[in-house]
Amino acid sequence: MRDAQLIQRIQAGDRTAADTLIEQYYTAILRYCARHTPCTQTAEDLTQEVFLHLFRTIGSYREQGQFRAYLYRIAYCLCVDAARQRKTEPLPEDMADTSMPFEDVETRDMAKRLLANLPPEQREAVLLRYGEGLKYREIAAVTGQPLRTVQSRVRKALKTLREGKL
């Protein structure tokens, strides 16, 4: 079922449509939130907040673009707010995970370090594009930036990563 149909059914009070929408997007939103915090519990809490916010405001939602971008915009705003409030971050849980092969840990750690050294705007654009698979127009809607700015940020980030200027 398409997002627009689900939203109409949710606005009409259909709880099964709400469950379907959550099933469709929960994993992707959780993955996105997890990239913004090293704590699994915080990522899960943020994901819950995204859907709570969505269902609180679903009555006033009007389709003006892709729903997916709207949902990621909510997640983006909540993640930014959470980052501002966070004073100290606990050690990432995956650093204590010994079940992964060393090469996987090393590669994941290197990727995190490289991304962490990018300017925040470029990092966000790269995460949304390649981590979440959003299109440039969707990223523009999520971040509130012009399409050309988003394209430029991704291009500059990739160039920086390729050239190893970090």
N, C-alpha and C. Protein backbone atom coordinates (compact mmCIF):
# COMPACT_ATOMS: atom_id res chain seq x y z
N MET A 1 0.84 -1.18 0.00
CA MET A 1 0.00 0.00 0.00
C MET A 1 0.89 1.25 0.00
N ARG A 2 0.49 2.22 -0.75
CA ARG A 2 1.28 3.45 -0.87
C ARG A 2 1.16 4.29 0.40
N ASP A 3 2.17 5.14 0.63
CA ASP A 3 2.19 5.99 1.82
C ASP A 3 0.96 6.88 1.90
N ALA A 4 0.58 7.47 0.79
CA ALA A 4 -0.57 8.39 0.79
C ALA A 4 -1.84 7.68 1.25
N GLN A 5 -2.03 6.45 0.80
CA GLN A 5 -3.21 5.69 1.21
C GLN A 5 -3.16 5.36 2.70
N LEU A 6 -1.98 4.97 3.17
CA LEU A 6 -1.82 4.68 4.59
C LEU A 6 -2.12 5.91 5.44
N ILE A 7 -1.62 7.04 5.02
CA ILE A 7 -1.82 8.27 5.79
C ILE A 7 -3.29 8.63 5.85
N GLN A 8 -3.98 8.50 4.73
CA GLN A 8 -5.42 8.78 4.72
C GLN A 8 -6.16 7.86 5.68
N ARG A 9 -5.78 6.60 5.69
CA ARG A 9 -6.43 5.64 6.59
C ARG A 9 -6.10 5.95 8.05
N ILE A 10 -4.84 6.37 8.31
CA ILE A 10 -4.45 6.73 9.68
C ILE A 10 -5.24 7.96 10.13
N GLN A 11 -5.35 8.93 9.25
CA GLN A 11 -6.10 10.15 9.57
C GLN A 11 -7.57 9.84 9.84
N ALA A 12 -8.06 8.76 9.26
CA ALA A 12 -9.44 8.33 9.49
C ALA A 12 -9.56 7.45 10.74
N GLY A 13 -8.43 7.18 11.42
CA GLY A 13 -8.46 6.44 12.67
C GLY A 13 -8.14 4.96 12.56
N ASP A 14 -7.61 4.51 11.45
CA ASP A 14 -7.30 3.10 11.24
C ASP A 14 -5.96 2.75 11.90
N ARG A 15 -6.02 2.00 13.00
CA ARG A 15 -4.80 1.62 13.74
C ARG A 15 -3.95 0.61 12.98
N THR A 16 -4.55 -0.25 12.18
CA THR A 16 -3.76 -1.23 11.44
C THR A 16 -2.91 -0.53 10.38
N ALA A 17 -3.42 0.56 9.84
CA ALA A 17 -2.62 1.33 8.87
C ALA A 17 -1.42 1.95 9.58
N ALA A 18 -1.61 2.40 10.81
CA ALA A 18 -0.50 2.96 11.59
C ALA A 18 0.56 1.89 11.85
N ASP A 19 0.11 0.69 12.19
CA ASP A 19 1.06 -0.41 12.41
C ASP A 19 1.83 -0.73 11.13
N THR A 20 1.14 -0.71 10.01
CA THR A 20 1.78 -0.99 8.72
C THR A 20 2.83 0.06 8.41
N LEU A 21 2.50 1.33 8.66
CA LEU A 21 3.45 2.41 8.41
C LEU A 21 4.68 2.27 9.29
N ILE A 22 4.48 1.93 10.55
CA ILE A 22 5.60 1.74 11.46
C ILE A 22 6.48 0.59 10.98
N GLU A 23 5.86 -0.53 10.62
CA GLU A 23 6.61 -1.68 10.12
C GLU A 23 7.44 -1.31 8.89
N GLN A 24 6.87 -0.47 8.05
CA GLN A 24 7.55 -0.07 6.81
C GLN A 24 8.80 0.76 7.07
N TYR A 25 8.75 1.65 8.06
CA TYR A 25 9.81 2.63 8.24
C TYR A 25 10.63 2.48 9.52
N TYR A 26 10.21 1.65 10.45
CA TYR A 26 10.87 1.60 11.75
C TYR A 26 12.37 1.30 11.64
N THR A 27 12.72 0.28 10.90
CA THR A 27 14.13 -0.13 10.81
C THR A 27 14.99 0.97 10.21
N ALA A 28 14.50 1.61 9.16
CA ALA A 28 15.27 2.67 8.51
C ALA A 28 15.46 3.88 9.44
N ILE A 29 14.41 4.26 10.15
CA ILE A 29 14.50 5.40 11.06
C ILE A 29 15.41 5.05 12.24
N LEU A 30 15.32 3.82 12.74
CA LEU A 30 16.21 3.40 13.82
C LEU A 30 17.67 3.44 13.36
N ARG A 31 17.93 2.96 12.17
CA ARG A 31 19.30 2.97 11.63
C ARG A 31 19.80 4.42 11.52
N TYR A 32 18.94 5.30 11.03
CA TYR A 32 19.30 6.71 10.90
C TYR A 32 19.61 7.33 12.27
N CYS A 33 18.76 7.09 13.24
CA CYS A 33 18.97 7.64 14.59
C CYS A 33 20.23 7.05 15.22
N ALA A 34 20.49 5.77 14.95
CA ALA A 34 21.68 5.12 15.51
C ALA A 34 22.96 5.75 14.98
N ARG A 35 22.91 6.32 13.81
CA ARG A 35 24.10 6.99 13.26
C ARG A 35 24.38 8.32 13.93
N HIS A 36 23.41 8.80 14.68
CA HIS A 36 23.56 10.09 15.36
C HIS A 36 23.88 9.95 16.84
N THR A 37 23.91 8.74 17.33
CA THR A 37 24.23 8.54 18.73
C THR A 37 24.91 7.18 18.89
N PRO A 38 25.89 7.08 19.77
CA PRO A 38 26.57 5.80 19.95
C PRO A 38 25.79 4.83 20.83
N CYS A 39 24.73 5.27 21.46
CA CYS A 39 23.98 4.47 22.41
C CYS A 39 22.72 3.88 21.74
N THR A 40 22.62 2.57 21.73
CA THR A 40 21.49 1.89 21.12
C THR A 40 20.18 2.31 21.76
N GLN A 41 20.17 2.42 23.07
CA GLN A 41 18.94 2.80 23.78
C GLN A 41 18.47 4.19 23.37
N THR A 42 19.39 5.12 23.24
CA THR A 42 19.04 6.47 22.82
C THR A 42 18.48 6.46 21.40
N ALA A 43 19.08 5.67 20.52
CA ALA A 43 18.58 5.57 19.15
C ALA A 43 17.16 5.01 19.13
N GLU A 44 16.91 4.01 19.96
CA GLU A 44 15.56 3.44 20.04
C GLU A 44 14.57 4.46 20.59
N ASP A 45 14.99 5.21 21.60
CA ASP A 45 14.13 6.25 22.17
C ASP A 45 13.82 7.33 21.14
N LEU A 46 14.84 7.74 20.40
CA LEU A 46 14.62 8.75 19.36
C LEU A 46 13.67 8.24 18.28
N THR A 47 13.80 6.99 17.92
CA THR A 47 12.93 6.40 16.92
C THR A 47 11.48 6.41 17.41
N GLN A 48 11.29 6.05 18.65
CA GLN A 48 9.94 6.09 19.23
C GLN A 48 9.39 7.52 19.20
N GLU A 49 10.24 8.48 19.54
CA GLU A 49 9.82 9.88 19.52
C GLU A 49 9.42 10.34 18.12
N VAL A 50 10.14 9.86 17.11
CA VAL A 50 9.81 10.20 15.72
C VAL A 50 8.38 9.78 15.42
N PHE A 51 8.05 8.54 15.74
CA PHE A 51 6.71 8.05 15.43
C PHE A 51 5.64 8.67 16.32
N LEU A 52 5.97 8.94 17.56
CA LEU A 52 5.02 9.65 18.43
C LEU A 52 4.71 11.03 17.87
N HIS A 53 5.76 11.74 17.48
CA HIS A 53 5.56 13.06 16.89
C HIS A 53 4.73 12.97 15.61
N LEU A 54 5.04 12.00 14.78
CA LEU A 54 4.30 11.81 13.53
C LEU A 54 2.82 11.61 13.81
N PHE A 55 2.49 10.71 14.73
CA PHE A 55 1.08 10.41 14.97
C PHE A 55 0.35 11.52 15.72
N ARG A 56 1.08 12.32 16.48
CA ARG A 56 0.47 13.48 17.12
C ARG A 56 0.09 14.55 16.10
N THR A 57 0.88 14.64 15.02
CA THR A 57 0.66 15.71 14.03
C THR A 57 0.08 15.20 12.71
N ILE A 58 -0.25 13.92 12.63
CA ILE A 58 -0.70 13.33 11.36
C ILE A 58 -1.99 13.98 10.86
N GLY A 59 -2.80 14.48 11.75
CA GLY A 59 -4.05 15.13 11.34
C GLY A 59 -3.83 16.36 10.49
N SER A 60 -2.71 17.04 10.70
CA SER A 60 -2.44 18.26 9.93
C SER A 60 -1.49 18.01 8.75
N TYR A 61 -1.06 16.76 8.58
CA TYR A 61 -0.15 16.45 7.47
C TYR A 61 -0.86 16.61 6.14
N ARG A 62 -0.22 17.31 5.22
CA ARG A 62 -0.71 17.45 3.85
C ARG A 62 0.41 17.04 2.93
N GLU A 63 0.11 16.18 2.00
CA GLU A 63 1.14 15.68 1.09
C GLU A 63 1.62 16.80 0.17
N GLN A 64 2.88 17.20 0.37
CA GLN A 64 3.49 18.25 -0.44
C GLN A 64 4.74 17.75 -1.13
N GLY A 65 5.12 16.57 -0.82
CA GLY A 65 6.33 15.96 -1.37
C GLY A 65 6.28 14.50 -0.99
N GLN A 66 7.42 13.90 -0.86
CA GLN A 66 7.43 12.50 -0.46
C GLN A 66 7.31 12.38 1.05
N PHE A 67 6.47 11.47 1.48
CA PHE A 67 6.27 11.24 2.90
C PHE A 67 7.56 10.82 3.58
N ARG A 68 8.36 10.01 2.89
CA ARG A 68 9.62 9.54 3.46
C ARG A 68 10.51 10.71 3.87
N ALA A 69 10.57 11.73 3.05
CA ALA A 69 11.37 12.91 3.38
C ALA A 69 10.80 13.62 4.61
N TYR A 70 9.48 13.68 4.71
CA TYR A 70 8.82 14.29 5.86
C TYR A 70 9.19 13.54 7.14
N LEU A 71 9.16 12.21 7.08
CA LEU A 71 9.49 11.39 8.24
C LEU A 71 10.96 11.56 8.64
N TYR A 72 11.85 11.59 7.66
CA TYR A 72 13.27 11.81 7.96
C TYR A 72 13.50 13.22 8.49
N ARG A 73 12.71 14.17 8.08
CA ARG A 73 12.84 15.54 8.61
C ARG A 73 12.54 15.55 10.11
N ILE A 74 11.52 14.82 10.50
CA ILE A 74 11.20 14.71 11.93
C ILE A 74 12.38 14.07 12.66
N ALA A 75 12.90 12.98 12.11
CA ALA A 75 14.04 12.29 12.74
C ALA A 75 15.25 13.22 12.82
N TYR A 76 15.51 13.94 11.75
CA TYR A 76 16.64 14.86 11.71
C TYR A 76 16.53 15.90 12.83
N CYS A 77 15.37 16.51 12.95
CA CYS A 77 15.17 17.55 13.98
C CYS A 77 15.33 16.97 15.39
N LEU A 78 14.77 15.80 15.63
CA LEU A 78 14.89 15.19 16.95
C LEU A 78 16.32 14.79 17.26
N CYS A 79 17.04 14.30 16.26
CA CYS A 79 18.45 13.92 16.47
C CYS A 79 19.31 15.15 16.75
N VAL A 80 19.05 16.23 16.05
CA VAL A 80 19.80 17.48 16.29
C VAL A 80 19.51 17.99 17.70
N ASP A 81 18.23 17.98 18.09
CA ASP A 81 17.87 18.42 19.45
C ASP A 81 18.55 17.55 20.50
N ALA A 82 18.56 16.24 20.29
CA ALA A 82 19.18 15.33 21.25
C ALA A 82 20.68 15.57 21.35
N ALA A 83 21.32 15.85 20.22
CA ALA A 83 22.76 16.11 20.22
C ALA A 83 23.09 17.38 20.98
N ARG A 84 22.23 18.36 20.88
CA ARG A 84 22.45 19.62 21.61
C ARG A 84 22.34 19.41 23.11
N GLN A 85 21.44 18.54 23.51
CA GLN A 85 21.20 18.30 24.94
C GLN A 85 22.23 17.37 25.56
N ARG A 86 22.86 16.58 24.74
CA ARG A 86 23.82 15.59 25.23
C ARG A 86 25.11 16.28 25.68
N LYS A 87 25.54 16.00 26.88
CA LYS A 87 26.78 16.61 27.38
C LYS A 87 27.94 15.66 27.19
N THR A 88 27.79 14.44 27.65
CA THR A 88 28.82 13.43 27.46
C THR A 88 28.17 12.20 26.87
N GLU A 89 28.90 11.54 26.03
CA GLU A 89 28.37 10.35 25.40
C GLU A 89 29.07 9.12 25.97
N PRO A 90 28.30 8.07 26.21
CA PRO A 90 28.93 6.84 26.69
C PRO A 90 29.74 6.18 25.58
N LEU A 91 30.59 5.26 25.96
CA LEU A 91 31.37 4.51 24.99
C LEU A 91 30.42 3.77 24.07
N PRO A 92 30.62 3.83 22.76
CA PRO A 92 29.73 3.12 21.85
C PRO A 92 29.67 1.63 22.19
N GLU A 93 28.45 1.09 22.18
CA GLU A 93 28.25 -0.30 22.56
C GLU A 93 28.96 -1.26 21.63
N ASP A 94 29.06 -0.91 20.35
CA ASP A 94 29.67 -1.85 19.41
C ASP A 94 31.18 -1.98 19.62
N MET A 95 31.78 -1.07 20.38
CA MET A 95 33.21 -1.18 20.66
C MET A 95 33.48 -2.33 21.63
N ALA A 96 32.46 -2.69 22.42
CA ALA A 96 32.63 -3.78 23.38
C ALA A 96 32.21 -5.12 22.78
N ASP A 97 31.70 -5.13 21.58
CA ASP A 97 31.23 -6.34 20.94
C ASP A 97 32.41 -7.14 20.40
N THR A 98 32.66 -8.30 21.01
CA THR A 98 33.78 -9.11 20.58
C THR A 98 33.37 -10.21 19.61
N SER A 99 32.08 -10.26 19.26
CA SER A 99 31.62 -11.31 18.36
C SER A 99 31.92 -11.00 16.90
N MET A 100 32.26 -9.75 16.58
CA MET A 100 32.56 -9.38 15.20
C MET A 100 34.02 -9.66 14.90
N PRO A 101 34.31 -10.08 13.67
CA PRO A 101 35.71 -10.25 13.29
C PRO A 101 36.44 -8.91 13.40
N PHE A 102 37.72 -8.98 13.70
CA PHE A 102 38.52 -7.76 13.88
C PHE A 102 38.45 -6.86 12.65
N GLU A 103 38.49 -7.45 11.46
CA GLU A 103 38.47 -6.63 10.23
C GLU A 103 37.21 -5.80 10.14
N ASP A 104 36.06 -6.38 10.54
CA ASP A 104 34.80 -5.64 10.50
C ASP A 104 34.83 -4.47 11.47
N VAL A 105 35.34 -4.71 12.67
CA VAL A 105 35.43 -3.66 13.68
C VAL A 105 36.35 -2.55 13.17
N GLU A 106 37.49 -2.95 12.61
CA GLU A 106 38.45 -1.97 12.10
C GLU A 106 37.86 -1.14 10.97
N THR A 107 37.17 -1.78 10.04
CA THR A 107 36.57 -1.06 8.91
C THR A 107 35.47 -0.12 9.39
N ARG A 108 34.62 -0.62 10.28
CA ARG A 108 33.53 0.21 10.80
C ARG A 108 34.09 1.40 11.57
N ASP A 109 35.12 1.16 12.36
CA ASP A 109 35.74 2.23 13.15
C ASP A 109 36.37 3.28 12.23
N MET A 110 37.04 2.80 11.17
CA MET A 110 37.65 3.74 10.24
C MET A 110 36.59 4.59 9.54
N ALA A 111 35.51 3.97 9.13
CA ALA A 111 34.44 4.70 8.46
C ALA A 111 33.85 5.75 9.40
N LYS A 112 33.63 5.38 10.65
CA LYS A 112 33.09 6.33 11.63
C LYS A 112 34.04 7.51 11.82
N ARG A 113 35.34 7.21 11.92
CA ARG A 113 36.32 8.28 12.12
C ARG A 113 36.38 9.21 10.92
N LEU A 114 36.36 8.63 9.72
CA LEU A 114 36.39 9.47 8.51
C LEU A 114 35.16 10.36 8.43
N LEU A 115 33.99 9.78 8.68
CA LEU A 115 32.76 10.58 8.64
C LEU A 115 32.75 11.62 9.74
N ALA A 116 33.25 11.27 10.91
CA ALA A 116 33.25 12.20 12.04
C ALA A 116 34.11 13.43 11.75
N ASN A 117 35.09 13.30 10.89
CA ASN A 117 35.97 14.42 10.58
C ASN A 117 35.44 15.34 9.49
N LEU A 118 34.35 14.93 8.85
CA LEU A 118 33.73 15.81 7.86
C LEU A 118 32.97 16.91 8.59
N PRO A 119 32.80 18.07 7.95
CA PRO A 119 31.93 19.09 8.54
C PRO A 119 30.52 18.50 8.73
N PRO A 120 29.81 18.90 9.76
CA PRO A 120 28.49 18.31 10.06
C PRO A 120 27.51 18.31 8.88
N GLU A 121 27.50 19.39 8.11
CA GLU A 121 26.56 19.47 6.99
C GLU A 121 26.89 18.43 5.92
N GLN A 122 28.17 18.23 5.65
CA GLN A 122 28.58 17.24 4.67
C GLN A 122 28.32 15.83 5.19
N ARG A 123 28.62 15.60 6.46
CA ARG A 123 28.40 14.28 7.06
C ARG A 123 26.93 13.90 6.98
N GLU A 124 26.06 14.84 7.32
CA GLU A 124 24.62 14.58 7.29
C GLU A 124 24.16 14.25 5.87
N ALA A 125 24.63 14.99 4.90
CA ALA A 125 24.25 14.75 3.51
C ALA A 125 24.71 13.38 3.04
N VAL A 126 25.93 12.99 3.40
CA VAL A 126 26.47 11.68 3.00
C VAL A 126 25.69 10.56 3.69
N LEU A 127 25.39 10.72 4.98
CA LEU A 127 24.64 9.69 5.70
C LEU A 127 23.24 9.50 5.09
N LEU A 128 22.60 10.59 4.77
CA LEU A 128 21.26 10.48 4.19
C LEU A 128 21.31 9.88 2.79
N ARG A 129 22.32 10.25 2.01
CA ARG A 129 22.41 9.76 0.63
C ARG A 129 22.81 8.29 0.58
N TYR A 130 23.90 7.95 1.24
CA TYR A 130 24.44 6.60 1.10
C TYR A 130 24.04 5.68 2.25
N GLY A 131 23.84 6.24 3.43
CA GLY A 131 23.43 5.41 4.56
C GLY A 131 21.95 5.07 4.52
N GLU A 132 21.14 6.03 4.07
CA GLU A 132 19.69 5.85 4.06
C GLU A 132 19.11 5.73 2.66
N GLY A 133 19.90 6.02 1.65
CA GLY A 133 19.44 5.86 0.27
C GLY A 133 18.44 6.91 -0.19
N LEU A 134 18.44 8.07 0.45
CA LEU A 134 17.53 9.12 0.03
C LEU A 134 18.03 9.78 -1.24
N LYS A 135 17.11 10.29 -2.02
CA LYS A 135 17.46 11.04 -3.23
C LYS A 135 17.83 12.45 -2.81
N TYR A 136 18.52 13.15 -3.70
CA TYR A 136 18.96 14.51 -3.38
C TYR A 136 17.78 15.42 -3.02
N ARG A 137 16.68 15.29 -3.73
CA ARG A 137 15.51 16.13 -3.43
C ARG A 137 14.96 15.83 -2.03
N GLU A 138 14.98 14.57 -1.65
CA GLU A 138 14.52 14.21 -0.31
C GLU A 138 15.46 14.77 0.75
N ILE A 139 16.75 14.71 0.49
CA ILE A 139 17.73 15.25 1.44
C ILE A 139 17.52 16.76 1.58
N ALA A 140 17.26 17.42 0.48
CA ALA A 140 16.98 18.86 0.53
C ALA A 140 15.76 19.14 1.40
N ALA A 141 14.74 18.31 1.28
CA ALA A 141 13.54 18.48 2.10
C ALA A 141 13.83 18.20 3.57
N VAL A 142 14.64 17.21 3.85
CA VAL A 142 14.97 16.85 5.23
C VAL A 142 15.79 17.95 5.90
N THR A 143 16.81 18.44 5.20
CA THR A 143 17.72 19.41 5.81
C THR A 143 17.28 20.86 5.64
N GLY A 144 16.32 21.08 4.75
CA GLY A 144 15.87 22.45 4.51
C GLY A 144 16.84 23.26 3.67
N GLN A 145 17.69 22.58 2.92
CA GLN A 145 18.69 23.24 2.09
C GLN A 145 18.30 23.13 0.62
N PRO A 146 18.77 24.05 -0.22
CA PRO A 146 18.50 23.95 -1.66
C PRO A 146 19.13 22.68 -2.24
N LEU A 147 18.53 22.17 -3.30
CA LEU A 147 19.00 20.96 -3.95
C LEU A 147 20.46 21.06 -4.34
N ARG A 148 20.86 22.15 -4.96
CA ARG A 148 22.25 22.33 -5.40
C ARG A 148 23.23 22.32 -4.22
N THR A 149 22.80 22.86 -3.09
CA THR A 149 23.66 22.85 -1.90
C THR A 149 23.89 21.42 -1.43
N VAL A 150 22.82 20.64 -1.42
CA VAL A 150 22.93 19.23 -1.01
C VAL A 150 23.88 18.49 -1.94
N GLN A 151 23.71 18.66 -3.24
CA GLN A 151 24.57 18.00 -4.21
C GLN A 151 26.02 18.41 -4.02
N SER A 152 26.23 19.67 -3.78
CA SER A 152 27.59 20.18 -3.57
C SER A 152 28.21 19.60 -2.30
N ARG A 153 27.44 19.51 -1.24
CA ARG A 153 27.97 18.96 0.01
C ARG A 153 28.38 17.51 -0.14
N VAL A 154 27.56 16.74 -0.83
CA VAL A 154 27.90 15.32 -1.04
C VAL A 154 29.15 15.22 -1.91
N ARG A 155 29.20 16.00 -2.97
CA ARG A 155 30.35 15.97 -3.87
C ARG A 155 31.64 16.35 -3.13
N LYS A 156 31.59 17.43 -2.33
CA LYS A 156 32.78 17.85 -1.57
C LYS A 156 33.20 16.80 -0.55
N ALA A 157 32.22 16.20 0.11
CA ALA A 157 32.55 15.18 1.11
C ALA A 157 33.22 13.99 0.46
N LEU A 158 32.69 13.54 -0.66
CA LEU A 158 33.28 12.39 -1.35
C LEU A 158 34.69 12.72 -1.85
N LYS A 159 34.87 13.93 -2.33
CA LYS A 159 36.19 14.34 -2.79
C LYS A 159 37.18 14.35 -1.62
N THR A 160 36.75 14.89 -0.49
CA THR A 160 37.60 14.92 0.70
C THR A 160 37.95 13.51 1.16
N LEU A 161 36.96 12.61 1.17
CA LEU A 161 37.21 11.24 1.58
C LEU A 161 38.15 10.52 0.62
N ARG A 162 37.97 10.74 -0.69
CA ARG A 162 38.83 10.11 -1.69
C ARG A 162 40.26 10.57 -1.59
N GLU A 163 40.43 11.88 -1.37
CA GLU A 163 41.77 12.45 -1.33
C GLU A 163 42.45 12.28 0.03
N GLY A 164 41.68 11.82 0.99
CA GLY A 164 42.24 11.61 2.32
C GLY A 164 42.70 12.88 2.99
N LYS A 165 41.95 13.96 2.80
CA LYS A 165 42.34 15.26 3.37
C LYS A 165 41.93 15.42 4.83
N LEU A 166 41.57 14.33 5.47
CA LEU A 166 41.12 14.44 6.85
C LEU A 166 42.27 14.31 7.76
